[in-house]
Amino acid sequence: MKTLIIYDSVFGNTEKLAKAMADALGAKAAKPADITPDDLEGLELLIAGSPTRAFHALPSVAGFIKGLKKGSLDGVKVAAFDTRISPDEIGSGALKKMVKMFGYAAEPILKALVKKGGAAVSAEGFFVTDTEGPLKNEEEHRAVKWAKEMA
């Protein structure tokens, strides 16, 4: 199954997950600027990932998806992931309320992929211990398992 994982990363946590998933699936993992039209040719599964920053995906990931032509993902299974801090570990009550209102990056990424014709498979969040990480124990393993279940 031809699979592509597009991602961007700020502190390296999202990149670590994308590369681990790509290795497990025999897929390509690349930042949006490094994707070529050939990468999208014959694609069967597209996974997009970003850290959650201000409740959104990074502009590079969101912009890449926005730049895809409508229908360009027809017949392609799509999934999205983000890296995030667990709501239980957010110290500020106000920030917890904002997270409940605005959410994380994975769900809007998946919705954007579906608007381009993709068939939604899954949106998932993976936890970091703090703003800069590192990833929580077992998150890399969980991400690989998640990716394998879709492929």
C-alpha atoms as a PDB file:
ATOM      1  CA  MET A   1       0.000   0.000   0.000  1.00  0.00           C
ATOM      2  CA  LYS A   2       1.566   3.276  -1.084  1.00  0.00           C
ATOM      3  CA  THR A   3       1.586   5.482   1.999  1.00  0.00           C
ATOM      4  CA  LEU A   4       2.817   9.025   2.525  1.00  0.00           C
ATOM      5  CA  ILE A   5       3.232  10.735   5.862  1.00  0.00           C
ATOM      6  CA  ILE A   6       3.429  14.504   5.745  1.00  0.00           C
ATOM      7  CA  TYR A   7       4.376  16.305   8.901  1.00  0.00           C
ATOM      8  CA  ASP A   8       6.033  19.292  10.403  1.00  0.00           C
ATOM      9  CA  SER A   9       7.583  19.616  13.818  1.00  0.00           C
ATOM     10  CA  VAL A  10       8.751  22.329  16.171  1.00  0.00           C
ATOM     11  CA  PHE A  11      10.673  20.450  18.862  1.00  0.00           C
ATOM     12  CA  GLY A  12      11.163  17.134  17.027  1.00  0.00           C
ATOM     13  CA  ASN A  13       8.408  15.100  18.704  1.00  0.00           C
ATOM     14  CA  THR A  14       6.033  15.015  15.730  1.00  0.00           C
ATOM     15  CA  GLU A  15       8.937  14.264  13.408  1.00  0.00           C
ATOM     16  CA  LYS A  16      10.002  11.342  15.588  1.00  0.00           C
ATOM     17  CA  LEU A  17       6.506   9.843  15.375  1.00  0.00           C
ATOM     18  CA  ALA A  18       6.219  10.414  11.613  1.00  0.00           C
ATOM     19  CA  LYS A  19       9.556   8.729  10.940  1.00  0.00           C
ATOM     20  CA  ALA A  20       8.772   5.786  13.240  1.00  0.00           C
ATOM     21  CA  MET A  21       5.455   5.239  11.443  1.00  0.00           C
ATOM     22  CA  ALA A  22       7.114   5.558   8.044  1.00  0.00           C
ATOM     23  CA  ASP A  23       9.799   3.026   8.982  1.00  0.00           C
ATOM     24  CA  ALA A  24       7.169   0.571  10.220  1.00  0.00           C
ATOM     25  CA  LEU A  25       5.086   0.926   7.045  1.00  0.00           C
ATOM     26  CA  GLY A  26       7.891   1.208   4.505  1.00  0.00           C
ATOM     27  CA  ALA A  27       6.497   4.637   3.656  1.00  0.00           C
ATOM     28  CA  LYS A  28       7.916   8.062   2.957  1.00  0.00           C
ATOM     29  CA  ALA A  29       7.760  10.714   5.675  1.00  0.00           C
ATOM     30  CA  ALA A  30       8.418  14.267   4.527  1.00  0.00           C
ATOM     31  CA  LYS A  31       7.765  17.868   5.375  1.00  0.00           C
ATOM     32  CA  PRO A  32       5.271  19.621   3.086  1.00  0.00           C
ATOM     33  CA  ALA A  33       7.966  21.584   1.252  1.00  0.00           C
ATOM     34  CA  ASP A  34       9.664  18.307   0.278  1.00  0.00           C
ATOM     35  CA  ILE A  35       6.587  16.625  -1.253  1.00  0.00           C
ATOM     36  CA  THR A  36       6.614  16.201  -5.024  1.00  0.00           C
ATOM     37  CA  PRO A  37       3.685  15.439  -7.355  1.00  0.00           C
ATOM     38  CA  ASP A  38       5.154  11.928  -7.783  1.00  0.00           C
ATOM     39  CA  ASP A  39       4.667  11.337  -4.049  1.00  0.00           C
ATOM     40  CA  LEU A  40       0.917  11.789  -4.503  1.00  0.00           C
ATOM     41  CA  GLU A  41       0.655   9.600  -7.612  1.00  0.00           C
ATOM     42  CA  GLY A  42      -1.024   6.270  -6.838  1.00  0.00           C
ATOM     43  CA  LEU A  43      -1.304   7.126  -3.170  1.00  0.00           C
ATOM     44  CA  GLU A  44      -3.502   4.811  -1.089  1.00  0.00           C
ATOM     45  CA  LEU A  45      -3.017   6.219   2.433  1.00  0.00           C
ATOM     46  CA  LEU A  46      -2.077   9.757   3.447  1.00  0.00           C
ATOM     47  CA  ILE A  47      -1.267  10.500   7.072  1.00  0.00           C
ATOM     48  CA  ALA A  48      -0.756  14.133   8.062  1.00  0.00           C
ATOM     49  CA  GLY A  49       0.696  15.247  11.377  1.00  0.00           C
ATOM     50  CA  SER A  50       1.502  18.419  13.247  1.00  0.00           C
ATOM     51  CA  PRO A  51       2.088  19.575  16.766  1.00  0.00           C
ATOM     52  CA  THR A  52      -0.872  21.433  18.203  1.00  0.00           C
ATOM     53  CA  ARG A  53       0.079  25.095  18.385  1.00  0.00           C
ATOM     54  CA  ALA A  54      -2.537  27.601  19.528  1.00  0.00           C
ATOM     55  CA  PHE A  55      -5.175  24.862  18.961  1.00  0.00           C
ATOM     56  CA  HIS A  56      -4.195  24.464  15.269  1.00  0.00           C
ATOM     57  CA  ALA A  57      -1.820  22.642  12.975  1.00  0.00           C
ATOM     58  CA  LEU A  58       1.342  24.403  11.870  1.00  0.00           C
ATOM     59  CA  PRO A  59       0.800  26.691   8.853  1.00  0.00           C
ATOM     60  CA  SER A  60       3.050  24.487   6.705  1.00  0.00           C
ATOM     61  CA  VAL A  61       0.781  21.457   7.127  1.00  0.00           C
ATOM     62  CA  ALA A  62      -2.485  23.407   6.905  1.00  0.00           C
ATOM     63  CA  GLY A  63      -1.220  25.311   3.863  1.00  0.00           C
ATOM     64  CA  PHE A  64      -0.123  22.138   2.093  1.00  0.00           C
ATOM     65  CA  ILE A  65      -3.572  20.615   2.524  1.00  0.00           C
ATOM     66  CA  LYS A  66      -5.285  23.841   1.501  1.00  0.00           C
ATOM     67  CA  GLY A  67      -3.154  23.891  -1.659  1.00  0.00           C
ATOM     68  CA  LEU A  68      -4.351  20.465  -2.787  1.00  0.00           C
ATOM     69  CA  LYS A  69      -6.976  20.578  -5.531  1.00  0.00           C
ATOM     70  CA  LYS A  70     -10.495  19.539  -4.597  1.00  0.00           C
ATOM     71  CA  GLY A  71     -10.885  15.871  -5.418  1.00  0.00           C
ATOM     72  CA  SER A  72      -7.148  15.260  -5.506  1.00  0.00           C
ATOM     73  CA  LEU A  73      -7.502  12.730  -2.694  1.00  0.00           C
ATOM     74  CA  ASP A  74     -10.459  10.842  -4.177  1.00  0.00           C
ATOM     75  CA  GLY A  75     -10.070   7.172  -3.273  1.00  0.00           C
ATOM     76  CA  VAL A  76      -7.264   7.861  -0.799  1.00  0.00           C
ATOM     77  CA  LYS A  77      -7.633   6.858   2.839  1.00  0.00           C
ATOM     78  CA  VAL A  78      -6.640   9.780   5.061  1.00  0.00           C
ATOM     79  CA  ALA A  79      -5.672  10.060   8.704  1.00  0.00           C
ATOM     80  CA  ALA A  80      -4.300  12.785  10.939  1.00  0.00           C
ATOM     81  CA  PHE A  81      -2.312  12.980  14.129  1.00  0.00           C
ATOM     82  CA  ASP A  82      -0.986  15.626  16.428  1.00  0.00           C
ATOM     83  CA  THR A  83       1.277  15.925  19.414  1.00  0.00           C
ATOM     84  CA  ARG A  84      -0.277  17.516  22.462  1.00  0.00           C
ATOM     85  CA  ILE A  85      -0.163  17.927  26.200  1.00  0.00           C
ATOM     86  CA  SER A  86      -2.706  15.811  28.056  1.00  0.00           C
ATOM     87  CA  PRO A  87      -5.638  17.872  29.351  1.00  0.00           C
ATOM     88  CA  ASP A  88      -4.998  16.338  32.776  1.00  0.00           C
ATOM     89  CA  GLU A  89      -1.563  17.939  32.833  1.00  0.00           C
ATOM     90  CA  ILE A  90      -2.569  21.458  31.837  1.00  0.00           C
ATOM     91  CA  GLY A  91      -2.028  23.575  34.932  1.00  0.00           C
ATOM     92  CA  SER A  92      -4.184  26.543  33.991  1.00  0.00           C
ATOM     93  CA  GLY A  93      -7.948  26.254  34.407  1.00  0.00           C
ATOM     94  CA  ALA A  94      -8.495  28.868  31.716  1.00  0.00           C
ATOM     95  CA  LEU A  95      -6.312  26.936  29.264  1.00  0.00           C
ATOM     96  CA  LYS A  96      -8.201  23.716  30.035  1.00  0.00           C
ATOM     97  CA  LYS A  97     -11.448  25.479  29.148  1.00  0.00           C
ATOM     98  CA  MET A  98      -9.939  26.775  25.918  1.00  0.00           C
ATOM     99  CA  VAL A  99      -8.771  23.281  24.973  1.00  0.00           C
ATOM    100  CA  LYS A 100     -12.303  21.987  25.519  1.00  0.00           C
ATOM    101  CA  MET A 101     -13.649  24.753  23.277  1.00  0.00           C
ATOM    102  CA  PHE A 102     -11.054  24.757  20.497  1.00  0.00           C
ATOM    103  CA  GLY A 103      -9.527  21.269  20.656  1.00  0.00           C
ATOM    104  CA  TYR A 104      -6.363  20.000  19.084  1.00  0.00           C
ATOM    105  CA  ALA A 105      -4.905  19.875  15.578  1.00  0.00           C
ATOM    106  CA  ALA A 106      -5.689  16.297  14.444  1.00  0.00           C
ATOM    107  CA  GLU A 107      -9.430  16.656  13.948  1.00  0.00           C
ATOM    108  CA  PRO A 108      -9.266  19.825  11.794  1.00  0.00           C
ATOM    109  CA  ILE A 109      -6.441  18.279   9.746  1.00  0.00           C
ATOM    110  CA  LEU A 110      -8.609  15.245   9.042  1.00  0.00           C
ATOM    111  CA  LYS A 111     -11.601  17.402   8.095  1.00  0.00           C
ATOM    112  CA  ALA A 112      -9.425  19.385   5.671  1.00  0.00           C
ATOM    113  CA  LEU A 113      -8.180  16.167   4.045  1.00  0.00           C
ATOM    114  CA  VAL A 114     -11.752  14.931   3.646  1.00  0.00           C
ATOM    115  CA  LYS A 115     -12.680  18.214   1.923  1.00  0.00           C
ATOM    116  CA  LYS A 116     -10.044  17.352  -0.682  1.00  0.00           C
ATOM    117  CA  GLY A 117     -11.746  14.014  -1.332  1.00  0.00           C
ATOM    118  CA  GLY A 118     -10.037  11.747   1.178  1.00  0.00           C
ATOM    119  CA  ALA A 119     -11.852   8.934   2.973  1.00  0.00           C
ATOM    120  CA  ALA A 120     -11.517   9.537   6.717  1.00  0.00           C
ATOM    121  CA  VAL A 121      -9.936   6.720   8.678  1.00  0.00           C
ATOM    122  CA  SER A 122      -8.760   8.171  11.991  1.00  0.00           C
ATOM    123  CA  ALA A 123      -7.572  11.216  13.929  1.00  0.00           C
ATOM    124  CA  GLU A 124      -5.324  10.632  16.921  1.00  0.00           C
ATOM    125  CA  GLY A 125      -3.376  12.618  19.467  1.00  0.00           C
ATOM    126  CA  PHE A 126      -0.063  11.571  20.977  1.00  0.00           C
ATOM    127  CA  PHE A 127       1.118  13.005  24.256  1.00  0.00           C
ATOM    128  CA  VAL A 128       4.227  14.931  25.173  1.00  0.00           C
ATOM    129  CA  THR A 129       5.317  15.608  28.740  1.00  0.00           C
ATOM    130  CA  ASP A 130       5.628  19.367  28.297  1.00  0.00           C
ATOM    131  CA  THR A 131       5.542  22.037  25.592  1.00  0.00           C
ATOM    132  CA  GLU A 132       8.914  20.957  24.195  1.00  0.00           C
ATOM    133  CA  GLY A 133       8.475  17.283  25.000  1.00  0.00           C
ATOM    134  CA  PRO A 134       9.761  14.675  25.162  1.00  0.00           C
ATOM    135  CA  LEU A 135       7.122  12.206  24.084  1.00  0.00           C
ATOM    136  CA  LYS A 136       5.492  10.329  26.930  1.00  0.00           C
ATOM    137  CA  ASN A 137       6.572   6.729  27.399  1.00  0.00           C
ATOM    138  CA  GLU A 138       5.022   4.321  24.907  1.00  0.00           C
ATOM    139  CA  GLU A 139       3.700   7.048  22.566  1.00  0.00           C
ATOM    140  CA  GLU A 140       6.081   6.102  19.767  1.00  0.00           C
ATOM    141  CA  HIS A 141       4.996   2.473  20.090  1.00  0.00           C
ATOM    142  CA  ARG A 142       1.323   3.519  20.164  1.00  0.00           C
ATOM    143  CA  ALA A 143       1.805   5.649  17.026  1.00  0.00           C
ATOM    144  CA  VAL A 144       3.372   2.759  15.117  1.00  0.00           C
ATOM    145  CA  LYS A 145       0.524   0.461  16.168  1.00  0.00           C
ATOM    146  CA  TRP A 146      -2.030   3.093  15.093  1.00  0.00           C
ATOM    147  CA  ALA A 147      -0.391   3.454  11.669  1.00  0.00           C
ATOM    148  CA  LYS A 148      -0.189  -0.293  11.126  1.00  0.00           C
ATOM    149  CA  GLU A 149      -3.891  -0.664  11.905  1.00  0.00           C
ATOM    150  CA  MET A 150      -4.720   1.710   9.034  1.00  0.00           C
ATOM    151  CA  ALA A 151      -2.381   0.109   6.541  1.00  0.00           C
END
